[in-house]
């Protein structure tokens, strides 16, 4: 399959300057799948009402079909077409964070969406992205769009169109290049089908921000225990992993350097994932900084790019520093633990 690639600037509100938006929307209406930027990561979208289109998403990614997808909308009123009701707390969260990096789980209307998109569940995960290119394409298509991250399943999520091209060229109909994404980690997923909303996946909207709007917020036990089965879309299987084995090191710089030295004496090539503050400290074969420890938002924005960068090296293993599990640090540590398969050196 030939994969088309278009460049669209964020001034896409001047719609007449960007026929690429209409071309991308046409492909979605023809039940093809395309990649497009959001404020979190690039998404791989297909018509959520059509089994064939959704199946193409799973096929292109190599994603297990029992892993439900998030439905993206371009207009708030679209949600009425496939959600049974909008609970009061969900409505407050929508008002506060949509468009934005928050996915909300509702009870779905039977038959309104492809069962392939929701993996046969009675619930549906929905968000409205806060990216002008994404919103333009969604609004132009007029469809609810199922869209997981636009990468091969298990690999680090894409934060640039080039990442998508490396993973999916020849496997999808098109890629809309809207430049690098902003937040860098996926949306927060919160279940609003019960009285107390429950976070199923930490992301761009923090627990603290959610609590300011709706009060008490629970956390899925699977986020705290690696053996629990997660409920969130995109969290059931190993994700975000670079090619080389990744280990998280919950120790200080000196002890991490000792581990590096030990592994190199064993003849292994060692990579280190660190921050700008500590980059000069480590003596390893490859050292990548993914942001500034003093500003965890920068770590979130560059985490996947750093993990992908190791794939262009010949390192045998990667050792990563850890981060405080607060604010966006929750999302960073969640993704690192998934990428490492919960391999932690205490």
Protein backbone atom coordinates (compact mmCIF):
# COMPACT_ATOMS: atom_id res chain seq x y z
CA UNK A 1 0.00 0.00 0.00
CA UNK A 2 1.23 3.50 -0.81
CA UNK A 3 1.17 5.75 2.25
CA UNK A 4 0.45 9.38 1.41
CA UNK A 5 2.08 12.06 3.54
CA UNK A 6 0.82 15.60 3.94
CA UNK A 7 2.18 18.56 5.91
CA UNK A 8 -0.37 20.76 7.64
CA UNK A 9 0.46 23.81 9.74
CA UNK A 10 -1.38 24.52 12.98
CA UNK A 11 -3.02 27.52 11.27
CA UNK A 12 -5.33 24.93 9.78
CA UNK A 13 -8.32 27.05 10.83
CA UNK A 14 -7.71 28.79 7.51
CA UNK A 15 -9.26 25.72 5.95
CA UNK A 16 -9.10 26.97 2.38
CA UNK A 17 -5.29 26.86 2.55
CA UNK A 18 -5.23 23.18 3.45
CA UNK A 19 -7.01 20.83 1.01
CA UNK A 20 -4.99 18.08 2.76
CA UNK A 21 -7.57 18.16 5.56
CA UNK A 22 -10.37 17.30 3.14
CA UNK A 23 -8.25 14.59 1.53
CA UNK A 24 -7.55 13.01 4.91
CA UNK A 25 -11.23 13.24 5.91
CA UNK A 26 -12.24 11.66 2.59
CA UNK A 27 -10.02 8.66 3.33
CA UNK A 28 -11.66 8.25 6.73
CA UNK A 29 -15.11 8.35 5.12
CA UNK A 30 -13.88 5.70 2.66
CA UNK A 31 -13.04 3.52 5.70
CA UNK A 32 -9.28 3.82 5.26
CA UNK A 33 -6.99 4.55 8.21
CA UNK A 34 -4.71 7.57 8.57
CA UNK A 35 -2.33 8.95 11.20
CA UNK A 36 -2.72 12.48 12.51
CA UNK A 37 -1.22 14.59 15.32
CA UNK A 38 -2.88 15.25 18.65
CA UNK A 39 -1.56 17.23 21.60
CA UNK A 40 -0.46 13.96 23.27
CA UNK A 41 0.92 11.59 20.60
CA UNK A 42 0.12 10.80 16.96
CA UNK A 43 -3.08 8.77 16.58
CA UNK A 44 -4.03 6.13 14.01
CA UNK A 45 -7.62 6.83 13.09
CA UNK A 46 -10.41 4.92 11.42
CA UNK A 47 -14.22 5.13 11.23
CA UNK A 48 -15.46 3.84 14.61
CA UNK A 49 -18.81 2.90 13.08
CA UNK A 50 -17.31 0.46 10.57
CA UNK A 51 -15.93 -2.97 11.51
CA UNK A 52 -13.68 -3.09 8.45
CA UNK A 53 -12.07 0.28 9.13
CA UNK A 54 -11.41 -0.56 12.77
CA UNK A 55 -9.98 -3.94 11.81
CA UNK A 56 -7.46 -2.14 9.58
CA UNK A 57 -6.20 -0.25 12.66
CA UNK A 58 -5.56 -3.49 14.54
CA UNK A 59 -3.92 -5.03 11.49
CA UNK A 60 -1.63 -2.07 10.81
CA UNK A 61 -0.48 -1.89 14.44
CA UNK A 62 -0.32 -5.62 15.06
CA UNK A 63 -2.49 -4.89 18.10
CA UNK A 64 -4.49 -7.65 19.86
CA UNK A 65 -8.18 -7.28 19.04
CA UNK A 66 -9.23 -7.63 22.70
CA UNK A 67 -7.63 -4.25 23.41
CA UNK A 68 -10.35 -1.54 23.05
CA UNK A 69 -9.75 1.77 21.29
CA UNK A 70 -10.43 5.36 22.31
CA UNK A 71 -13.06 7.18 20.25
CA UNK A 72 -12.13 10.72 19.18
CA UNK A 73 -14.73 13.38 18.41
CA UNK A 74 -14.49 16.86 16.91
CA UNK A 75 -17.71 18.29 18.35
CA UNK A 76 -19.17 17.88 21.83
CA UNK A 77 -22.66 16.97 20.61
CA UNK A 78 -21.36 13.86 18.81
CA UNK A 79 -21.18 12.03 22.11
CA UNK A 80 -24.96 11.82 22.29
CA UNK A 81 -24.94 9.48 19.29
CA UNK A 82 -23.23 6.60 21.11
CA UNK A 83 -23.29 7.23 24.88
CA UNK A 84 -26.25 6.22 27.06
CA UNK A 85 -25.92 9.22 29.38
CA UNK A 86 -23.40 11.77 30.57
CA UNK A 87 -23.11 11.56 34.38
CA UNK A 88 -22.84 14.85 36.27
CA UNK A 89 -19.19 14.35 37.20
CA UNK A 90 -18.32 13.42 33.63
CA UNK A 91 -20.02 16.60 32.43
CA UNK A 92 -17.90 18.66 34.85
CA UNK A 93 -14.73 17.00 33.59
CA UNK A 94 -15.72 17.59 29.97
CA UNK A 95 -16.34 21.26 30.70
CA UNK A 96 -13.00 21.59 32.47
CA UNK A 97 -10.72 19.53 30.22
CA UNK A 98 -12.28 19.14 26.74
CA UNK A 99 -10.80 19.63 24.29
CA UNK A 100 -7.76 18.17 26.02
CA UNK A 101 -5.76 15.21 27.21
CA UNK A 102 -8.55 13.48 29.11
CA UNK A 103 -10.37 10.32 28.01
CA UNK A 104 -13.65 9.56 29.78
CA UNK A 105 -15.31 6.14 29.92
CA UNK A 106 -19.11 6.02 29.55
CA UNK A 107 -21.75 3.33 29.16
CA UNK A 108 -22.31 3.03 25.42
CA UNK A 109 -25.48 2.78 23.37
CA UNK A 110 -25.85 -0.70 21.96
CA UNK A 111 -25.17 -0.89 18.21
CA UNK A 112 -24.06 2.72 17.86
CA UNK A 113 -20.38 1.86 17.28
CA UNK A 114 -18.38 -1.03 15.92
CA UNK A 115 -18.04 -3.74 18.55
CA UNK A 116 -14.54 -4.25 17.18
CA UNK A 117 -13.61 -0.74 18.36
CA UNK A 118 -14.86 -1.36 21.90
CA UNK A 119 -13.69 -5.00 22.04
CA UNK A 120 -17.29 -6.06 22.73
CA UNK A 121 -17.44 -4.14 26.01
CA UNK A 122 -20.54 -2.32 27.28
CA UNK A 123 -18.47 0.82 27.80
CA UNK A 124 -16.72 3.24 25.48
CA UNK A 125 -13.72 5.54 26.00
CA UNK A 126 -14.09 9.01 24.44
CA UNK A 127 -12.00 12.16 24.15
CA UNK A 128 -11.86 15.41 22.20
CA UNK A 129 -8.23 16.23 21.34
CA UNK A 130 -6.85 19.73 21.80
CA UNK A 131 -4.95 20.02 18.53
CA UNK A 132 -6.12 22.20 15.64
CA UNK A 133 -5.13 19.69 12.95
CA UNK A 134 -6.82 16.78 14.71
CA UNK A 135 -9.98 18.79 15.32
CA UNK A 136 -10.08 20.00 11.71
CA UNK A 137 -9.87 16.43 10.37
CA UNK A 138 -12.41 15.09 12.88
CA UNK A 139 -14.87 17.88 12.13
CA UNK A 140 -14.42 17.57 8.38
CA UNK A 141 -15.04 13.82 8.47
CA UNK A 142 -18.12 14.14 10.67
CA UNK A 143 -17.37 10.70 12.11
CA UNK A 144 -16.45 9.30 15.50
CA UNK A 145 -12.88 8.13 14.94
CA UNK A 146 -11.28 5.22 16.78
CA UNK A 147 -7.64 6.13 17.25
CA UNK A 148 -4.94 4.44 19.31
CA UNK A 149 -1.33 5.65 19.08
CA UNK A 150 0.09 5.43 15.54
CA UNK A 151 2.90 2.97 16.17
CA UNK A 152 3.53 -0.75 15.82
CA UNK A 153 2.11 -2.42 18.92
CA UNK A 154 4.57 -2.55 21.80
CA UNK A 155 6.92 0.14 20.47
CA UNK A 156 7.26 3.64 21.94
CA UNK A 157 4.39 5.89 20.92
CA UNK A 158 5.09 8.39 18.11
CA UNK A 159 5.52 12.07 18.85
CA UNK A 160 6.50 13.06 15.28
CA UNK A 161 5.26 12.11 11.83
CA UNK A 162 8.68 10.57 11.13
CA UNK A 163 8.13 8.10 13.99
CA UNK A 164 4.87 7.08 12.35
CA UNK A 165 6.57 6.75 8.97
CA UNK A 166 9.22 4.46 10.44
CA UNK A 167 6.58 2.17 11.94
CA UNK A 168 3.67 2.24 9.50
CA UNK A 169 4.83 3.31 6.03
CA UNK A 170 3.18 0.97 3.54
CA UNK A 171 0.65 -0.25 6.12
CA UNK A 172 -1.78 2.72 6.21
CA UNK A 173 -3.36 5.10 3.70
CA UNK A 174 -1.87 8.37 4.92
CA UNK A 175 0.03 10.39 7.50
CA UNK A 176 -0.81 14.00 8.29
CA UNK A 177 2.34 15.74 9.50
CA UNK A 178 1.40 18.50 11.93
CA UNK A 179 4.80 18.77 13.58
CA UNK A 180 5.90 17.43 16.97
CA UNK A 181 3.24 16.78 19.59
CA UNK A 182 3.21 18.79 22.80
CA UNK A 183 2.46 16.75 25.93
CA UNK A 184 4.25 13.62 24.71
CA UNK A 185 2.41 11.00 26.79
CA UNK A 186 -1.09 9.73 26.11
CA UNK A 187 -4.27 11.10 27.64
CA UNK A 188 -5.41 10.33 31.16
CA UNK A 189 -8.21 7.74 31.14
CA UNK A 190 -10.90 8.04 33.82
CA UNK A 191 -13.92 5.76 34.32
CA UNK A 192 -17.06 7.76 35.07
CA UNK A 193 -19.53 4.86 35.03
CA UNK A 194 -19.53 4.64 38.86
CA UNK A 195 -20.22 7.23 41.57
CA UNK A 196 -16.52 7.76 42.28
CA UNK A 197 -14.49 8.29 39.08
CA UNK A 198 -11.47 5.99 38.78
CA UNK A 199 -8.21 6.71 36.94
CA UNK A 200 -7.38 3.77 34.68
CA UNK A 201 -4.35 5.38 33.05
CA UNK A 202 -2.37 8.43 34.21
CA UNK A 203 -1.58 10.94 31.49
CA UNK A 204 -1.60 14.58 30.51
CA UNK A 205 -4.25 15.58 33.09
CA UNK A 206 -3.06 14.86 36.63
CA UNK A 207 -4.98 13.30 39.52
CA UNK A 208 -4.65 16.56 41.40
CA UNK A 209 -6.29 18.49 38.57
CA UNK A 210 -9.16 15.99 38.39
CA UNK A 211 -9.77 16.17 42.13
CA UNK A 212 -10.06 19.95 41.96
CA UNK A 213 -13.08 19.49 39.66
CA UNK A 214 -14.93 16.42 41.01
CA UNK A 215 -13.52 15.74 44.47
CA UNK A 216 -12.62 12.15 45.33
CA UNK A 217 -10.96 10.19 42.53
CA UNK A 218 -9.94 6.53 42.75
CA UNK A 219 -7.05 4.71 41.05
CA UNK A 220 -7.22 1.36 39.26
CA UNK A 221 -5.36 -1.23 41.41
CA UNK A 222 -3.56 -2.39 38.26
CA UNK A 223 -1.58 0.86 38.27
CA UNK A 224 -0.16 -0.08 41.66
CA UNK A 225 0.32 -3.84 41.20
CA UNK A 226 1.96 -5.25 38.08
CA UNK A 227 0.02 -8.55 38.28
CA UNK A 228 -3.41 -6.91 38.23
CA UNK A 229 -5.19 -6.89 34.84
CA UNK A 230 -5.60 -3.24 33.73
CA UNK A 231 -9.00 -1.98 32.55
CA UNK A 232 -7.84 0.90 30.39
CA UNK A 233 -7.59 0.95 26.58
CA UNK A 234 -3.99 0.52 25.53
CA UNK A 235 -2.73 -0.76 28.89
CA UNK A 236 -3.31 -4.52 28.75
CA UNK A 237 -0.04 -5.51 27.09
CA UNK A 238 3.62 -4.49 27.21
CA UNK A 239 3.95 -1.07 25.66
CA UNK A 240 6.42 1.67 24.85
CA UNK A 241 9.44 -0.67 24.83
CA UNK A 242 12.69 0.05 22.96
CA UNK A 243 14.46 -2.86 21.26
CA UNK A 244 17.03 -3.38 24.02
CA UNK A 245 15.94 -4.57 27.50
CA UNK A 246 15.13 -1.65 29.78
CA UNK A 247 15.68 -1.62 33.56
CA UNK A 248 14.58 1.09 35.97
CA UNK A 249 17.13 1.89 38.66
CA UNK A 250 15.74 3.21 41.95
CA UNK A 251 19.15 4.22 43.28
CA UNK A 252 21.39 7.27 43.32
CA UNK A 253 23.77 8.35 40.56
CA UNK A 254 26.81 6.71 42.16
CA UNK A 255 25.10 3.33 42.47
CA UNK A 256 23.74 3.56 38.93
CA UNK A 257 27.26 4.23 37.66
CA UNK A 258 28.48 1.16 39.57
CA UNK A 259 25.88 -0.95 37.74
CA UNK A 260 27.02 0.53 34.42
CA UNK A 261 30.62 -0.36 35.23
CA UNK A 262 29.66 -3.90 36.22
CA UNK A 263 27.68 -4.52 33.02
CA UNK A 264 30.49 -3.11 30.84
CA UNK A 265 33.00 -5.41 32.57
CA UNK A 266 30.70 -8.25 31.46
CA UNK A 267 31.22 -7.07 27.89
CA UNK A 268 27.82 -5.42 27.47
CA UNK A 269 27.17 -2.10 25.74
CA UNK A 270 25.12 0.04 28.13
CA UNK A 271 22.72 2.91 27.46
CA UNK A 272 21.49 5.32 30.12
CA UNK A 273 18.23 7.30 30.13
CA UNK A 274 18.65 10.34 32.32
CA UNK A 275 17.92 14.06 32.51
CA UNK A 276 19.75 17.20 31.46
CA UNK A 277 20.87 17.77 35.06
CA UNK A 278 22.63 14.38 35.24
CA UNK A 279 23.68 13.74 31.64
CA UNK A 280 27.31 14.76 32.07
CA UNK A 281 27.73 12.59 35.16
CA UNK A 282 27.43 9.13 33.57
CA UNK A 283 30.19 7.22 31.80
CA UNK A 284 28.30 4.81 29.53
CA UNK A 285 28.28 3.79 25.86
CA UNK A 286 25.19 5.90 25.08
CA UNK A 287 23.57 8.54 27.28
CA UNK A 288 20.29 10.24 26.37
CA UNK A 289 18.53 12.99 28.32
CA UNK A 290 14.76 13.07 28.01
CA UNK A 291 14.17 16.44 29.65
CA UNK A 292 14.78 18.36 32.85
CA UNK A 293 14.14 16.74 36.22
CA UNK A 294 13.14 20.14 37.59
CA UNK A 295 10.39 20.33 34.93
CA UNK A 296 8.82 16.90 34.53
CA UNK A 297 6.62 18.18 31.69
CA UNK A 298 9.77 18.26 29.54
CA UNK A 299 10.50 14.63 30.44
CA UNK A 300 6.99 13.62 29.40
CA UNK A 301 7.33 15.53 26.13
CA UNK A 302 10.58 13.79 25.11
CA UNK A 303 10.31 10.37 26.80
CA UNK A 304 9.19 8.36 23.76
CA UNK A 305 11.63 10.10 21.44
CA UNK A 306 14.48 9.20 23.81
CA UNK A 307 13.36 5.56 24.04
CA UNK A 308 13.17 5.37 20.23
CA UNK A 309 16.64 6.91 19.92
CA UNK A 310 18.20 3.88 21.60
CA UNK A 311 16.96 1.78 18.66
CA UNK A 312 19.48 3.59 16.46
CA UNK A 313 22.35 2.37 18.67
CA UNK A 314 23.88 -1.04 19.38
CA UNK A 315 23.35 -1.01 23.17
CA UNK A 316 22.68 -4.38 24.81
CA UNK A 317 20.63 -2.94 27.66
CA UNK A 318 19.28 0.39 28.90
CA UNK A 319 19.33 1.64 32.48
CA UNK A 320 16.90 4.41 33.35
CA UNK A 321 16.66 6.78 36.27
CA UNK A 322 13.26 6.96 37.97
CA UNK A 323 11.06 9.97 38.72
CA UNK A 324 8.77 11.10 41.53
CA UNK A 325 5.25 9.68 41.14
CA UNK A 326 3.40 12.96 41.49
CA UNK A 327 1.70 15.18 38.93
CA UNK A 328 2.75 14.19 35.42
CA UNK A 329 5.41 12.02 37.07
CA UNK A 330 2.65 9.43 37.56
CA UNK A 331 2.30 9.12 33.78
CA UNK A 332 6.07 9.07 33.22
CA UNK A 333 6.64 6.26 35.71
CA UNK A 334 3.64 4.32 34.42
CA UNK A 335 5.05 4.37 30.87
CA UNK A 336 8.58 3.52 32.01
CA UNK A 337 7.36 0.57 34.08
CA UNK A 338 5.37 -0.71 31.10
CA UNK A 339 8.35 -0.22 28.78
CA UNK A 340 10.60 -2.10 31.22
CA UNK A 341 8.12 -4.91 31.79
CA UNK A 342 8.28 -3.90 35.48
CA UNK A 343 12.01 -4.77 35.67
CA UNK A 344 13.23 -2.59 38.54
CA UNK A 345 16.60 -2.56 40.32
CA UNK A 346 15.71 -1.38 43.83
